[in-house]
N, C-alpha and C. Protein backbone atom coordinates (compact mmCIF):
# COMPACT_ATOMS: atom_id res chain seq x y z
N UNK A 1 58.59 -154.69 -43.36
CA UNK A 1 59.44 -154.13 -44.39
C UNK A 1 59.42 -155.06 -45.60
N UNK A 2 59.34 -154.53 -46.78
CA UNK A 2 59.26 -155.37 -47.97
C UNK A 2 60.60 -156.05 -48.26
N UNK A 3 60.50 -157.10 -49.05
CA UNK A 3 61.68 -157.89 -49.41
C UNK A 3 62.74 -157.03 -50.10
N UNK A 4 62.32 -156.13 -50.97
CA UNK A 4 63.27 -155.30 -51.72
C UNK A 4 63.96 -154.30 -50.80
N UNK A 5 63.20 -153.70 -49.89
CA UNK A 5 63.81 -152.75 -48.95
C UNK A 5 64.80 -153.47 -48.04
N UNK A 6 64.44 -154.67 -47.58
CA UNK A 6 65.35 -155.45 -46.73
C UNK A 6 66.65 -155.76 -47.47
N UNK A 7 66.53 -156.18 -48.72
CA UNK A 7 67.72 -156.49 -49.51
C UNK A 7 68.57 -155.23 -49.73
N UNK A 8 67.93 -154.13 -50.06
CA UNK A 8 68.66 -152.87 -50.26
C UNK A 8 69.38 -152.45 -48.98
N UNK A 9 68.73 -152.63 -47.83
CA UNK A 9 69.38 -152.30 -46.56
C UNK A 9 70.62 -153.17 -46.34
N UNK A 10 70.52 -154.46 -46.64
CA UNK A 10 71.66 -155.35 -46.48
C UNK A 10 72.82 -154.89 -47.37
N UNK A 11 72.53 -154.61 -48.63
CA UNK A 11 73.57 -154.16 -49.57
C UNK A 11 74.19 -152.86 -49.07
N UNK A 12 73.38 -151.93 -48.60
CA UNK A 12 73.88 -150.66 -48.08
C UNK A 12 74.83 -150.89 -46.90
N UNK A 13 74.42 -151.69 -45.94
CA UNK A 13 75.26 -151.97 -44.76
C UNK A 13 76.58 -152.59 -45.18
N UNK A 14 76.54 -153.55 -46.09
CA UNK A 14 77.77 -154.23 -46.52
C UNK A 14 78.69 -153.27 -47.29
N UNK A 15 78.13 -152.41 -48.10
CA UNK A 15 78.98 -151.47 -48.85
C UNK A 15 79.60 -150.43 -47.94
N UNK A 16 78.82 -149.88 -47.03
CA UNK A 16 79.32 -148.83 -46.14
C UNK A 16 80.37 -149.37 -45.17
N UNK A 17 80.15 -150.57 -44.66
CA UNK A 17 81.08 -151.14 -43.67
C UNK A 17 82.16 -152.01 -44.32
N UNK A 18 82.05 -152.24 -45.61
CA UNK A 18 82.99 -153.12 -46.31
C UNK A 18 84.43 -152.63 -46.33
N UNK A 19 84.63 -151.34 -46.13
CA UNK A 19 85.99 -150.80 -46.13
C UNK A 19 86.68 -151.00 -44.78
N UNK A 20 85.91 -151.38 -43.77
CA UNK A 20 86.47 -151.58 -42.43
C UNK A 20 87.08 -152.97 -42.32
N UNK A 21 88.12 -153.12 -41.49
CA UNK A 21 88.77 -154.44 -41.35
C UNK A 21 87.85 -155.43 -40.63
N UNK A 22 88.07 -156.71 -40.88
CA UNK A 22 87.26 -157.75 -40.27
C UNK A 22 87.75 -158.10 -38.86
N UNK A 23 87.64 -157.13 -37.98
CA UNK A 23 87.92 -157.34 -36.57
C UNK A 23 86.61 -157.67 -35.89
N UNK A 24 86.65 -158.47 -34.82
CA UNK A 24 85.42 -158.93 -34.16
C UNK A 24 84.44 -157.80 -33.84
N UNK A 25 84.86 -156.68 -33.24
CA UNK A 25 83.89 -155.62 -32.94
C UNK A 25 83.23 -155.05 -34.21
N UNK A 26 83.98 -154.97 -35.27
CA UNK A 26 83.43 -154.43 -36.52
C UNK A 26 82.49 -155.43 -37.16
N UNK A 27 82.84 -156.73 -37.13
CA UNK A 27 81.95 -157.75 -37.69
C UNK A 27 80.64 -157.82 -36.89
N UNK A 28 80.71 -157.62 -35.57
CA UNK A 28 79.49 -157.60 -34.75
C UNK A 28 78.65 -156.36 -35.06
N UNK A 29 79.31 -155.23 -35.25
CA UNK A 29 78.59 -154.01 -35.63
C UNK A 29 77.89 -154.23 -36.97
N UNK A 30 78.60 -154.80 -37.92
CA UNK A 30 78.03 -155.07 -39.24
C UNK A 30 76.81 -155.99 -39.09
N UNK A 31 76.93 -157.02 -38.27
CA UNK A 31 75.81 -157.94 -38.04
C UNK A 31 74.63 -157.25 -37.38
N UNK A 32 74.91 -156.38 -36.43
CA UNK A 32 73.85 -155.65 -35.74
C UNK A 32 73.13 -154.71 -36.71
N UNK A 33 73.90 -154.02 -37.54
CA UNK A 33 73.30 -153.10 -38.52
C UNK A 33 72.46 -153.86 -39.56
N UNK A 34 72.89 -155.06 -39.91
CA UNK A 34 72.21 -155.83 -40.95
C UNK A 34 70.95 -156.54 -40.45
N UNK A 35 70.74 -156.61 -39.15
CA UNK A 35 69.61 -157.36 -38.58
C UNK A 35 68.25 -157.10 -39.23
N UNK A 36 67.88 -155.86 -39.52
CA UNK A 36 66.55 -155.62 -40.11
C UNK A 36 66.36 -156.26 -41.49
N UNK A 37 67.44 -156.68 -42.13
CA UNK A 37 67.35 -157.25 -43.48
C UNK A 37 66.84 -158.69 -43.49
N UNK A 38 66.75 -159.33 -42.31
CA UNK A 38 66.42 -160.75 -42.25
C UNK A 38 65.03 -161.00 -41.68
N UNK A 39 64.51 -162.19 -41.94
CA UNK A 39 63.23 -162.60 -41.34
C UNK A 39 63.38 -162.60 -39.82
N UNK A 40 64.51 -163.12 -39.35
CA UNK A 40 64.82 -163.14 -37.92
C UNK A 40 66.33 -163.17 -37.79
N UNK A 41 66.84 -162.46 -36.78
CA UNK A 41 68.29 -162.44 -36.57
C UNK A 41 68.57 -162.35 -35.08
N UNK A 42 69.37 -163.28 -34.59
CA UNK A 42 69.71 -163.35 -33.17
C UNK A 42 70.82 -162.39 -32.77
N UNK A 43 71.27 -162.58 -31.54
CA UNK A 43 72.31 -161.72 -30.96
C UNK A 43 73.71 -162.19 -31.37
N UNK A 44 74.64 -161.26 -31.25
CA UNK A 44 76.06 -161.51 -31.49
C UNK A 44 76.33 -162.14 -32.88
N UNK A 45 75.63 -161.64 -33.87
CA UNK A 45 75.81 -162.06 -35.25
C UNK A 45 77.06 -161.38 -35.79
N UNK A 46 78.00 -162.16 -36.29
CA UNK A 46 79.24 -161.61 -36.86
C UNK A 46 79.27 -161.91 -38.35
N UNK A 47 79.47 -160.85 -39.12
CA UNK A 47 79.48 -161.01 -40.57
C UNK A 47 80.72 -160.31 -41.14
N UNK A 48 81.54 -161.09 -41.84
CA UNK A 48 82.75 -160.56 -42.44
C UNK A 48 82.43 -159.78 -43.71
N UNK A 49 83.39 -159.03 -44.19
CA UNK A 49 83.19 -158.27 -45.43
C UNK A 49 83.09 -159.25 -46.61
N UNK A 50 82.48 -158.79 -47.66
CA UNK A 50 82.39 -159.60 -48.87
C UNK A 50 81.32 -160.67 -48.85
N UNK A 51 80.47 -160.69 -47.84
CA UNK A 51 79.37 -161.65 -47.80
C UNK A 51 78.22 -161.12 -48.64
N UNK A 52 77.58 -162.00 -49.41
CA UNK A 52 76.43 -161.63 -50.22
C UNK A 52 75.25 -162.49 -49.78
N UNK A 53 74.12 -161.85 -49.54
CA UNK A 53 72.90 -162.58 -49.19
C UNK A 53 71.77 -162.01 -50.04
N UNK A 54 71.22 -162.83 -50.93
CA UNK A 54 70.09 -162.40 -51.76
C UNK A 54 68.82 -163.02 -51.19
N UNK A 55 67.71 -162.32 -51.33
CA UNK A 55 66.45 -162.70 -50.71
C UNK A 55 66.65 -162.83 -49.20
N UNK A 56 67.28 -161.83 -48.62
CA UNK A 56 67.58 -161.84 -47.19
C UNK A 56 66.32 -161.92 -46.33
N UNK A 57 65.18 -161.50 -46.85
CA UNK A 57 63.92 -161.55 -46.10
C UNK A 57 63.48 -162.99 -45.82
N UNK A 58 64.06 -163.96 -46.53
CA UNK A 58 63.74 -165.38 -46.32
C UNK A 58 64.80 -166.10 -45.50
N UNK A 59 65.68 -165.35 -44.86
CA UNK A 59 66.79 -165.94 -44.10
C UNK A 59 66.58 -165.70 -42.61
N UNK A 60 66.73 -166.76 -41.82
CA UNK A 60 66.65 -166.68 -40.36
C UNK A 60 68.02 -167.02 -39.79
N UNK A 61 68.48 -166.19 -38.85
CA UNK A 61 69.80 -166.37 -38.27
C UNK A 61 69.68 -166.42 -36.76
N UNK A 62 70.31 -167.41 -36.15
CA UNK A 62 70.26 -167.58 -34.69
C UNK A 62 71.32 -166.74 -33.99
N UNK A 63 71.55 -167.06 -32.72
CA UNK A 63 72.55 -166.37 -31.89
C UNK A 63 73.94 -166.90 -32.18
N UNK A 64 74.93 -166.02 -32.04
CA UNK A 64 76.35 -166.40 -32.13
C UNK A 64 76.72 -167.04 -33.46
N UNK A 65 76.16 -166.54 -34.55
CA UNK A 65 76.45 -167.04 -35.89
C UNK A 65 77.59 -166.22 -36.48
N UNK A 66 78.50 -166.90 -37.21
CA UNK A 66 79.62 -166.24 -37.88
C UNK A 66 79.60 -166.62 -39.36
N UNK A 67 79.61 -165.61 -40.24
CA UNK A 67 79.69 -165.81 -41.68
C UNK A 67 81.02 -165.26 -42.17
N UNK A 68 81.87 -166.11 -42.73
CA UNK A 68 83.20 -165.70 -43.17
C UNK A 68 83.15 -164.98 -44.51
N UNK A 69 84.24 -164.33 -44.82
CA UNK A 69 84.39 -163.53 -46.03
C UNK A 69 84.05 -164.33 -47.29
N UNK A 70 83.33 -163.68 -48.19
CA UNK A 70 83.02 -164.28 -49.47
C UNK A 70 81.85 -165.24 -49.47
N UNK A 71 81.24 -165.49 -48.33
CA UNK A 71 80.10 -166.42 -48.29
C UNK A 71 78.94 -165.84 -49.10
N UNK A 72 78.15 -166.73 -49.70
CA UNK A 72 77.03 -166.33 -50.55
C UNK A 72 75.83 -167.16 -50.16
N UNK A 73 74.74 -166.49 -49.80
CA UNK A 73 73.52 -167.18 -49.40
C UNK A 73 72.38 -166.71 -50.28
N UNK A 74 71.67 -167.68 -50.87
CA UNK A 74 70.51 -167.38 -51.70
C UNK A 74 69.28 -167.84 -50.92
N UNK A 75 68.48 -166.90 -50.47
CA UNK A 75 67.36 -167.22 -49.60
C UNK A 75 66.04 -167.49 -50.29
N UNK A 76 66.01 -167.69 -51.58
CA UNK A 76 64.76 -167.84 -52.33
C UNK A 76 63.85 -168.89 -51.68
N UNK A 77 64.37 -170.08 -51.43
CA UNK A 77 63.58 -171.17 -50.87
C UNK A 77 63.54 -171.17 -49.36
N UNK A 78 64.24 -170.26 -48.73
CA UNK A 78 64.30 -170.18 -47.28
C UNK A 78 65.58 -170.79 -46.74
N UNK A 79 66.21 -170.08 -45.83
CA UNK A 79 67.44 -170.57 -45.18
C UNK A 79 67.30 -170.31 -43.68
N UNK A 80 67.57 -171.33 -42.88
CA UNK A 80 67.57 -171.18 -41.43
C UNK A 80 68.94 -171.58 -40.90
N UNK A 81 69.60 -170.63 -40.26
CA UNK A 81 70.92 -170.85 -39.68
C UNK A 81 70.74 -170.76 -38.17
N UNK A 82 70.81 -171.91 -37.49
CA UNK A 82 70.57 -171.95 -36.05
C UNK A 82 71.75 -171.39 -35.27
N UNK A 83 71.62 -171.38 -33.95
CA UNK A 83 72.64 -170.84 -33.05
C UNK A 83 74.00 -171.50 -33.25
N UNK A 84 75.04 -170.69 -33.12
CA UNK A 84 76.44 -171.13 -33.06
C UNK A 84 76.93 -171.80 -34.35
N UNK A 85 76.32 -171.47 -35.47
CA UNK A 85 76.78 -171.98 -36.77
C UNK A 85 77.92 -171.11 -37.25
N UNK A 86 78.91 -171.74 -37.88
CA UNK A 86 80.08 -171.02 -38.37
C UNK A 86 80.32 -171.40 -39.84
N UNK A 87 80.41 -170.39 -40.70
CA UNK A 87 80.71 -170.59 -42.12
C UNK A 87 82.19 -170.33 -42.36
N UNK A 88 82.83 -171.21 -43.13
CA UNK A 88 84.17 -170.95 -43.61
C UNK A 88 84.11 -170.01 -44.80
N UNK A 89 85.27 -169.51 -45.24
CA UNK A 89 85.29 -168.58 -46.37
C UNK A 89 84.67 -169.19 -47.63
N UNK A 90 83.93 -168.38 -48.33
CA UNK A 90 83.34 -168.72 -49.63
C UNK A 90 82.35 -169.89 -49.58
N UNK A 91 81.68 -170.04 -48.47
CA UNK A 91 80.59 -171.02 -48.38
C UNK A 91 79.42 -170.54 -49.22
N UNK A 92 78.80 -171.47 -49.94
CA UNK A 92 77.63 -171.15 -50.77
C UNK A 92 76.44 -171.94 -50.26
N UNK A 93 75.33 -171.25 -50.06
CA UNK A 93 74.06 -171.90 -49.70
C UNK A 93 73.05 -171.50 -50.76
N UNK A 94 72.63 -172.46 -51.56
CA UNK A 94 71.68 -172.20 -52.65
C UNK A 94 70.37 -172.91 -52.34
N UNK A 95 69.34 -172.16 -52.01
CA UNK A 95 68.05 -172.76 -51.63
C UNK A 95 67.08 -172.88 -52.80
N UNK A 96 67.63 -172.92 -54.00
CA UNK A 96 66.79 -172.99 -55.19
C UNK A 96 67.56 -173.75 -56.27
N UNK A 97 66.90 -174.70 -56.92
CA UNK A 97 67.50 -175.41 -58.05
C UNK A 97 66.77 -175.02 -59.33
N UNK A 98 67.40 -175.27 -60.46
CA UNK A 98 66.80 -174.97 -61.76
C UNK A 98 66.23 -176.25 -62.36
N UNK A 99 65.24 -176.10 -63.21
CA UNK A 99 64.69 -177.21 -63.98
C UNK A 99 64.77 -176.84 -65.46
N UNK A 100 64.63 -177.86 -66.30
CA UNK A 100 64.70 -177.64 -67.74
C UNK A 100 63.33 -177.35 -68.33
N UNK A 101 63.33 -176.47 -69.30
CA UNK A 101 62.12 -176.19 -70.08
C UNK A 101 62.53 -176.08 -71.54
N UNK A 102 61.93 -176.90 -72.38
CA UNK A 102 62.23 -176.90 -73.82
C UNK A 102 63.74 -177.01 -74.07
N UNK A 103 64.40 -177.90 -73.34
CA UNK A 103 65.81 -178.17 -73.57
C UNK A 103 66.78 -177.17 -72.97
N UNK A 104 66.28 -176.20 -72.19
CA UNK A 104 67.15 -175.17 -71.64
C UNK A 104 66.85 -174.96 -70.15
N UNK A 105 67.88 -174.73 -69.39
CA UNK A 105 67.72 -174.40 -67.96
C UNK A 105 67.40 -172.92 -67.76
N UNK A 106 67.60 -172.09 -68.75
CA UNK A 106 67.44 -170.64 -68.59
C UNK A 106 66.04 -170.24 -68.13
N UNK A 107 65.00 -170.85 -68.67
CA UNK A 107 63.64 -170.44 -68.35
C UNK A 107 62.83 -171.54 -67.66
N UNK A 108 63.52 -172.56 -67.16
CA UNK A 108 62.83 -173.61 -66.42
C UNK A 108 62.31 -173.09 -65.09
N UNK A 109 61.25 -173.70 -64.60
CA UNK A 109 60.66 -173.27 -63.33
C UNK A 109 61.64 -173.52 -62.17
N UNK A 110 61.69 -172.61 -61.21
CA UNK A 110 62.57 -172.84 -60.07
C UNK A 110 62.03 -173.95 -59.18
N UNK A 111 62.93 -174.65 -58.48
CA UNK A 111 62.55 -175.68 -57.54
C UNK A 111 63.19 -175.34 -56.19
N UNK A 112 62.47 -174.53 -55.38
CA UNK A 112 63.04 -174.11 -54.10
C UNK A 112 62.98 -175.22 -53.05
N UNK A 113 63.88 -175.13 -52.09
CA UNK A 113 63.90 -176.06 -50.96
C UNK A 113 64.62 -175.42 -49.80
N UNK A 114 64.01 -175.41 -48.64
CA UNK A 114 64.60 -174.78 -47.46
C UNK A 114 65.90 -175.47 -47.06
N UNK A 115 66.91 -174.69 -46.77
CA UNK A 115 68.18 -175.20 -46.26
C UNK A 115 68.24 -174.87 -44.77
N UNK A 116 68.60 -175.87 -43.96
CA UNK A 116 68.70 -175.68 -42.52
C UNK A 116 70.08 -176.11 -42.05
N UNK A 117 70.74 -175.23 -41.31
CA UNK A 117 71.99 -175.59 -40.64
C UNK A 117 71.69 -175.54 -39.15
N UNK A 118 71.73 -176.71 -38.51
CA UNK A 118 71.34 -176.80 -37.11
C UNK A 118 72.47 -176.35 -36.18
N UNK A 119 72.14 -176.19 -34.92
CA UNK A 119 73.03 -175.64 -33.89
C UNK A 119 74.45 -176.25 -33.95
N UNK A 120 75.42 -175.35 -33.98
CA UNK A 120 76.82 -175.75 -33.89
C UNK A 120 77.42 -176.35 -35.14
N UNK A 121 76.72 -176.30 -36.28
CA UNK A 121 77.27 -176.83 -37.53
C UNK A 121 78.39 -175.93 -38.03
N UNK A 122 79.26 -176.51 -38.83
CA UNK A 122 80.41 -175.77 -39.36
C UNK A 122 80.63 -176.16 -40.80
N UNK A 123 80.88 -175.16 -41.66
CA UNK A 123 81.27 -175.43 -43.04
C UNK A 123 82.70 -174.96 -43.23
N UNK A 124 83.50 -175.79 -43.86
CA UNK A 124 84.85 -175.39 -44.20
C UNK A 124 84.82 -174.45 -45.40
N UNK A 125 85.99 -174.07 -45.86
CA UNK A 125 86.09 -173.15 -46.99
C UNK A 125 85.53 -173.79 -48.27
N UNK A 126 84.87 -173.00 -49.07
CA UNK A 126 84.38 -173.38 -50.40
C UNK A 126 83.38 -174.53 -50.38
N UNK A 127 82.58 -174.64 -49.34
CA UNK A 127 81.52 -175.64 -49.27
C UNK A 127 80.32 -175.12 -50.03
N UNK A 128 79.62 -176.00 -50.73
CA UNK A 128 78.38 -175.65 -51.42
C UNK A 128 77.27 -176.54 -50.87
N UNK A 129 76.20 -175.91 -50.37
CA UNK A 129 75.05 -176.64 -49.83
C UNK A 129 73.86 -176.34 -50.74
N UNK A 130 73.20 -177.39 -51.23
CA UNK A 130 72.14 -177.23 -52.21
C UNK A 130 70.75 -177.24 -51.57
N UNK A 131 69.76 -176.88 -52.35
CA UNK A 131 68.38 -176.72 -51.89
C UNK A 131 67.85 -177.97 -51.20
N UNK A 132 67.11 -177.74 -50.11
CA UNK A 132 66.44 -178.82 -49.41
C UNK A 132 67.29 -179.61 -48.44
N UNK A 133 68.53 -179.20 -48.22
CA UNK A 133 69.45 -179.96 -47.37
C UNK A 133 69.38 -179.48 -45.92
N UNK A 134 69.50 -180.43 -44.99
CA UNK A 134 69.57 -180.14 -43.56
C UNK A 134 70.93 -180.64 -43.07
N UNK A 135 71.70 -179.72 -42.49
CA UNK A 135 72.99 -180.08 -41.88
C UNK A 135 72.73 -180.20 -40.39
N UNK A 136 72.94 -181.40 -39.85
CA UNK A 136 72.57 -181.71 -38.47
C UNK A 136 73.38 -180.97 -37.41
N UNK A 137 72.88 -181.04 -36.20
CA UNK A 137 73.51 -180.42 -35.03
C UNK A 137 74.96 -180.89 -34.90
N UNK A 138 75.87 -179.95 -34.75
CA UNK A 138 77.27 -180.27 -34.52
C UNK A 138 77.97 -180.96 -35.66
N UNK A 139 77.40 -180.93 -36.86
CA UNK A 139 78.02 -181.56 -38.02
C UNK A 139 79.03 -180.62 -38.66
N UNK A 140 79.98 -181.20 -39.39
CA UNK A 140 80.99 -180.42 -40.08
C UNK A 140 81.04 -180.84 -41.55
N UNK A 141 81.14 -179.85 -42.43
CA UNK A 141 81.27 -180.09 -43.87
C UNK A 141 82.70 -179.72 -44.25
N UNK A 142 83.47 -180.70 -44.71
CA UNK A 142 84.88 -180.47 -45.04
C UNK A 142 85.03 -179.50 -46.19
N UNK A 143 86.16 -178.83 -46.23
CA UNK A 143 86.43 -177.84 -47.27
C UNK A 143 86.21 -178.44 -48.65
N UNK A 144 85.54 -177.68 -49.51
CA UNK A 144 85.30 -178.08 -50.88
C UNK A 144 84.15 -179.05 -51.09
N UNK A 145 83.45 -179.43 -50.04
CA UNK A 145 82.35 -180.40 -50.16
C UNK A 145 81.17 -179.79 -50.89
N UNK A 146 80.48 -180.62 -51.66
CA UNK A 146 79.22 -180.24 -52.29
C UNK A 146 78.15 -181.09 -51.61
N UNK A 147 77.37 -180.44 -50.76
CA UNK A 147 76.41 -181.15 -49.91
C UNK A 147 75.06 -181.17 -50.60
N UNK A 148 74.66 -182.37 -51.08
CA UNK A 148 73.42 -182.53 -51.82
C UNK A 148 72.38 -183.35 -51.06
N UNK A 149 72.77 -183.92 -49.91
CA UNK A 149 71.87 -184.72 -49.08
C UNK A 149 72.01 -184.30 -47.63
N UNK A 150 71.03 -184.63 -46.82
CA UNK A 150 71.06 -184.29 -45.40
C UNK A 150 72.30 -184.87 -44.73
N UNK A 151 72.82 -184.11 -43.76
CA UNK A 151 74.00 -184.52 -42.99
C UNK A 151 73.53 -184.89 -41.59
N UNK A 152 73.87 -186.11 -41.13
CA UNK A 152 73.43 -186.51 -39.78
C UNK A 152 74.09 -185.65 -38.70
N UNK A 153 73.45 -185.54 -37.54
CA UNK A 153 74.06 -184.80 -36.43
C UNK A 153 75.43 -185.38 -36.06
N UNK A 154 76.36 -184.50 -35.72
CA UNK A 154 77.70 -184.86 -35.24
C UNK A 154 78.49 -185.72 -36.22
N UNK A 155 78.24 -185.52 -37.51
CA UNK A 155 78.99 -186.23 -38.55
C UNK A 155 79.92 -185.26 -39.25
N UNK A 156 80.90 -185.82 -39.93
CA UNK A 156 81.78 -185.05 -40.80
C UNK A 156 81.55 -185.58 -42.21
N UNK A 157 81.25 -184.66 -43.15
CA UNK A 157 81.06 -185.05 -44.53
C UNK A 157 82.09 -184.34 -45.40
N UNK A 158 82.40 -184.96 -46.53
CA UNK A 158 83.34 -184.35 -47.47
C UNK A 158 83.20 -184.99 -48.83
N UNK A 159 83.73 -184.31 -49.84
CA UNK A 159 83.73 -184.84 -51.19
C UNK A 159 82.70 -184.20 -52.08
N UNK A 160 82.71 -184.67 -53.36
CA UNK A 160 81.78 -184.17 -54.38
C UNK A 160 81.16 -185.38 -55.06
N UNK A 161 79.89 -185.67 -54.83
CA UNK A 161 79.05 -185.10 -53.79
C UNK A 161 79.51 -185.57 -52.41
N UNK A 162 79.11 -184.80 -51.40
CA UNK A 162 79.57 -185.10 -50.04
C UNK A 162 79.01 -186.44 -49.56
N UNK A 163 79.84 -187.17 -48.82
CA UNK A 163 79.42 -188.42 -48.18
C UNK A 163 79.94 -188.39 -46.75
N UNK A 164 79.36 -189.19 -45.90
CA UNK A 164 79.76 -189.23 -44.50
C UNK A 164 81.15 -189.84 -44.38
N UNK A 165 82.06 -189.11 -43.73
CA UNK A 165 83.41 -189.61 -43.48
C UNK A 165 83.54 -190.19 -42.08
N UNK A 166 82.85 -189.55 -41.12
CA UNK A 166 82.83 -190.01 -39.73
C UNK A 166 81.49 -189.66 -39.11
N UNK A 167 80.99 -190.54 -38.25
CA UNK A 167 79.73 -190.27 -37.56
C UNK A 167 79.97 -190.20 -36.06
N UNK A 168 79.06 -189.55 -35.37
CA UNK A 168 79.10 -189.43 -33.91
C UNK A 168 80.45 -188.93 -33.41
N UNK A 169 80.95 -187.88 -34.02
CA UNK A 169 82.23 -187.29 -33.63
C UNK A 169 82.06 -186.64 -32.26
N UNK A 170 82.88 -187.06 -31.27
CA UNK A 170 82.75 -186.50 -29.93
C UNK A 170 83.34 -185.09 -29.84
N UNK A 171 82.99 -184.38 -28.76
CA UNK A 171 83.59 -183.08 -28.49
C UNK A 171 85.08 -183.26 -28.25
N UNK A 172 85.87 -182.22 -28.55
CA UNK A 172 87.29 -182.26 -28.24
C UNK A 172 87.45 -182.23 -26.73
N UNK A 173 88.32 -183.10 -26.18
CA UNK A 173 88.48 -183.15 -24.72
C UNK A 173 89.08 -181.88 -24.14
N UNK A 174 89.96 -181.22 -24.88
CA UNK A 174 90.57 -179.98 -24.43
C UNK A 174 90.48 -178.97 -25.57
N UNK A 175 89.38 -178.21 -25.61
CA UNK A 175 89.22 -177.25 -26.70
C UNK A 175 90.42 -176.31 -26.83
N UNK A 176 90.77 -176.04 -28.07
CA UNK A 176 91.89 -175.14 -28.33
C UNK A 176 93.23 -175.84 -28.40
N UNK A 177 93.24 -177.13 -28.15
CA UNK A 177 94.49 -177.90 -28.19
C UNK A 177 94.38 -179.02 -29.20
N UNK A 178 95.41 -179.21 -29.98
CA UNK A 178 95.42 -180.28 -30.97
C UNK A 178 95.49 -181.63 -30.25
N UNK A 179 94.77 -182.65 -30.76
CA UNK A 179 94.83 -183.96 -30.13
C UNK A 179 96.22 -184.58 -30.27
N UNK A 180 96.59 -185.37 -29.30
CA UNK A 180 97.90 -186.04 -29.31
C UNK A 180 97.90 -187.14 -30.36
N UNK A 181 99.06 -187.40 -30.91
CA UNK A 181 99.17 -188.52 -31.82
C UNK A 181 99.50 -188.05 -33.14
């Protein structure tokens, strides 16, 4: 299927299902319907309303991925979202940067770079990930972070630009429960 047809299919699915509430069965249905729009798409893909993905033919999605409302993915340079990745609301993934030509960014040549989010990564609300960045396995990007460099596995990054706040963060001992203290 051509890139344009894939993109049109994605837009159609999002518009038709966009009036439905973001309940898990509906988000899974939306993800299942949108599957043909991607280079590859795994099982149990959940996609909330209001998500925009351009150049969807360059996007690969693993199993058990969740994209929250308002997320925006630009697949020009390629985007790979591995298994169990979770996006917070309004996450931005831009796989293309601009360059200057004759003093203006408007007509500068694009500089694409593949963005990879490895297994179990999480982005908080309003995170921006730029071209060429790899977010490591089990890493977390704090809300509002602008991620311009690779994130090590099992690290927490935050800030503008994002920097490592904690490394080698262990699993929660009792999932679903707040830690004591």
